[in-house]
Protein backbone atom coordinates (compact mmCIF):
# COMPACT_ATOMS: atom_id res chain seq x y z
CA MET A 1 -48.19 35.08 -77.47
CA ASN A 2 -47.71 32.10 -79.78
CA ILE A 3 -49.52 29.32 -79.56
CA GLY A 4 -46.87 27.14 -77.07
CA GLU A 5 -46.73 30.48 -74.49
CA VAL A 6 -50.42 30.53 -74.01
CA ALA A 7 -50.60 27.30 -73.64
CA ILE A 8 -48.21 27.83 -70.44
CA VAL A 9 -50.22 30.39 -69.20
CA SER A 10 -53.76 28.93 -69.69
CA GLY A 11 -52.81 24.86 -68.84
CA LEU A 12 -53.87 23.69 -71.81
CA PRO A 13 -52.59 21.56 -75.10
CA ALA A 14 -51.83 23.94 -77.82
CA LYS A 15 -54.57 21.15 -79.89
CA THR A 16 -57.21 21.71 -77.70
CA ILE A 17 -56.72 25.74 -78.21
CA ARG A 18 -56.79 25.50 -81.24
CA TYR A 19 -60.08 23.75 -81.35
CA TYR A 20 -60.86 26.18 -79.54
CA GLU A 21 -59.77 28.43 -82.05
CA ASP A 22 -61.95 26.43 -85.05
CA ILE A 23 -64.96 25.90 -83.11
CA GLY A 24 -64.89 29.98 -82.75
CA LEU A 25 -64.73 30.10 -78.59
CA VAL A 26 -61.22 32.02 -79.02
CA LYS A 27 -60.37 34.41 -81.88
CA PRO A 28 -56.42 35.26 -81.50
CA LEU A 29 -55.02 37.98 -83.96
CA ARG A 30 -52.99 36.65 -87.18
CA ASP A 31 -49.58 38.02 -86.53
CA THR A 32 -48.09 38.82 -90.51
CA ASN A 33 -46.68 34.71 -91.13
CA GLY A 34 -49.80 33.78 -90.30
CA TYR A 35 -49.13 32.70 -87.23
CA ARG A 36 -51.21 32.86 -84.51
CA ALA A 37 -50.51 36.04 -81.72
CA PHE A 38 -53.21 35.74 -78.35
CA ARG A 39 -53.98 38.66 -76.24
CA THR A 40 -53.69 38.52 -72.61
CA ARG A 41 -57.49 38.94 -72.88
CA ASP A 42 -57.50 35.31 -75.22
CA ALA A 43 -55.13 33.82 -72.30
CA HIS A 44 -58.12 34.41 -70.04
CA LYS A 45 -60.20 33.53 -71.72
CA LEU A 46 -58.63 29.71 -72.31
CA THR A 47 -57.66 29.53 -68.74
CA PHE A 48 -61.90 30.62 -68.06
CA LEU A 49 -62.33 27.36 -70.51
CA GLY A 50 -59.82 25.33 -68.89
CA ARG A 51 -61.82 26.09 -65.55
CA ALA A 52 -65.23 25.39 -66.86
CA ARG A 53 -64.73 22.02 -69.15
CA ALA A 54 -62.53 20.67 -65.69
CA LEU A 55 -66.08 21.28 -64.18
CA GLY A 56 -67.59 19.56 -66.81
CA PHE A 57 -69.41 22.24 -68.34
CA SER A 58 -70.19 20.90 -72.12
CA ILE A 59 -69.04 23.14 -74.76
CA GLU A 60 -72.79 24.63 -75.19
CA ASP A 61 -72.57 25.46 -71.49
CA CYS A 62 -69.02 27.14 -71.82
CA ARG A 63 -70.36 28.77 -74.76
CA LYS A 64 -72.96 30.61 -73.02
CA LEU A 65 -70.57 31.18 -69.82
CA LEU A 66 -68.22 32.70 -71.69
CA ALA A 67 -70.76 35.37 -73.18
CA LEU A 68 -72.47 36.03 -69.48
CA TRP A 69 -68.79 36.49 -68.13
CA ALA A 70 -67.90 39.31 -70.93
CA ASP A 71 -71.58 41.51 -70.68
CA ASP A 72 -71.55 43.50 -67.72
CA THR A 73 -74.74 43.01 -67.43
CA ARG A 74 -75.92 39.84 -66.47
CA ALA A 75 -77.74 38.73 -64.02
CA SER A 76 -76.08 36.20 -61.45
CA ALA A 77 -79.34 34.34 -61.83
CA ASP A 78 -78.46 33.46 -65.54
CA VAL A 79 -74.97 31.92 -64.49
CA LYS A 80 -76.64 30.57 -61.42
CA ALA A 81 -79.77 28.68 -62.97
CA LEU A 82 -76.76 27.31 -65.75
CA ALA A 83 -74.51 26.14 -62.59
CA LYS A 84 -78.37 24.62 -61.05
CA ASP A 85 -78.45 22.97 -64.20
CA HIS A 86 -75.38 21.26 -64.80
CA LEU A 87 -75.34 20.23 -61.42
CA ARG A 88 -78.78 17.89 -61.88
CA ALA A 89 -77.04 16.47 -64.40
CA ILE A 90 -74.59 15.76 -62.70
CA ASP A 91 -76.30 14.61 -59.89
CA ASP A 92 -78.28 12.49 -61.84
CA LYS A 93 -74.65 10.78 -63.82
CA ILE A 94 -73.59 10.08 -59.92
CA ALA A 95 -77.08 8.24 -58.87
CA ASP A 96 -76.35 6.17 -62.66
CA LEU A 97 -73.03 5.37 -61.47
CA GLN A 98 -74.49 4.35 -57.54
CA ASP A 99 -76.71 1.84 -59.85
CA MET A 100 -74.31 0.44 -61.76
CA ARG A 101 -71.34 -0.02 -58.93
CA GLN A 102 -74.28 -1.59 -56.81
CA THR A 103 -75.39 -3.73 -59.42
CA LEU A 104 -71.81 -5.32 -60.70
CA ASP A 105 -70.05 -5.52 -57.27
CA HIS A 106 -74.25 -7.53 -56.49
CA LEU A 107 -72.83 -9.82 -59.59
CA VAL A 108 -69.08 -10.14 -58.17
CA ARG A 109 -70.43 -11.04 -55.06
CA GLU A 110 -72.28 -13.91 -56.51
CA CYS A 111 -69.67 -14.99 -58.96
CA ALA A 112 -68.10 -18.22 -57.73
CA GLY A 113 -65.02 -17.35 -59.80
CA ASP A 114 -63.32 -20.90 -59.64
CA HIS A 115 -62.74 -23.09 -62.25
CA ARG A 116 -65.63 -24.03 -63.12
CA PRO A 117 -67.64 -21.83 -66.36
CA ASP A 118 -70.74 -20.55 -65.01
CA CYS A 119 -70.63 -16.76 -63.79
CA PRO A 120 -73.53 -14.59 -62.83
CA ILE A 121 -71.94 -11.64 -64.57
CA LEU A 122 -71.90 -13.09 -68.07
CA GLN A 123 -75.45 -14.92 -67.15
CA SER A 124 -76.94 -11.28 -65.97
CA MET A 125 -75.27 -9.47 -69.40
CA ALA A 126 -76.88 -12.98 -71.40
CA ARG A 127 -80.21 -11.76 -69.80
CA GLN A 128 -79.90 -7.91 -70.72
CA THR A 129 -78.86 -8.89 -74.20
CA ASP A 130 -81.94 -11.26 -74.79
CA MET A 131 -84.50 -8.71 -72.88
CA ASN A 132 -83.16 -6.45 -75.44
CA SER A 133 -83.74 -8.28 -78.54
CA LYS A 134 -87.24 -9.17 -77.77
CA ALA A 135 -88.39 -6.02 -77.59
CA SER A 136 -86.50 -4.35 -80.34
CA GLY A 137 -88.02 -7.46 -82.36
C-alpha cells in the first residue's frame, strides 16, 4: 500500500503517518523508486496508534503499548498499569477543568456585563498577575 491507501485504511492523515515514521513508530519498506510501501501489519499498527492517540495516550505511552502488543509473552498487568496511570492523569485533568469552570462560572455571574468599566473577571486576572509578580520578585 502507498501512503494514501494506508491513510484511508488506518483513518490517519498522511502527515501523521509520516511523523510516526520519522519518530520510529512505523517502518514501512521502500520501493525501488523510494516510495513508502506499507504492509498490512503497518496498517494495523497505524490503526492501533490512531485508537491509542484518540484515547489520549502520549507518544511514549503509544511506543510502550506497541511493544506490549507485539510481545506475545507480555503480562496483561503491564498493560493495565499503563492504562491505569493514564486514567489517573485524565481524572486529574478533569478535576483541574472542573475547578477552572467553577471559578470562571463564579466570575461570569459576578460581572454585570453592562456599560460600566469595572469587571470582576479582569480584576481577578489582574490580582492573579500581581500575586505571580510578587512571588517571583
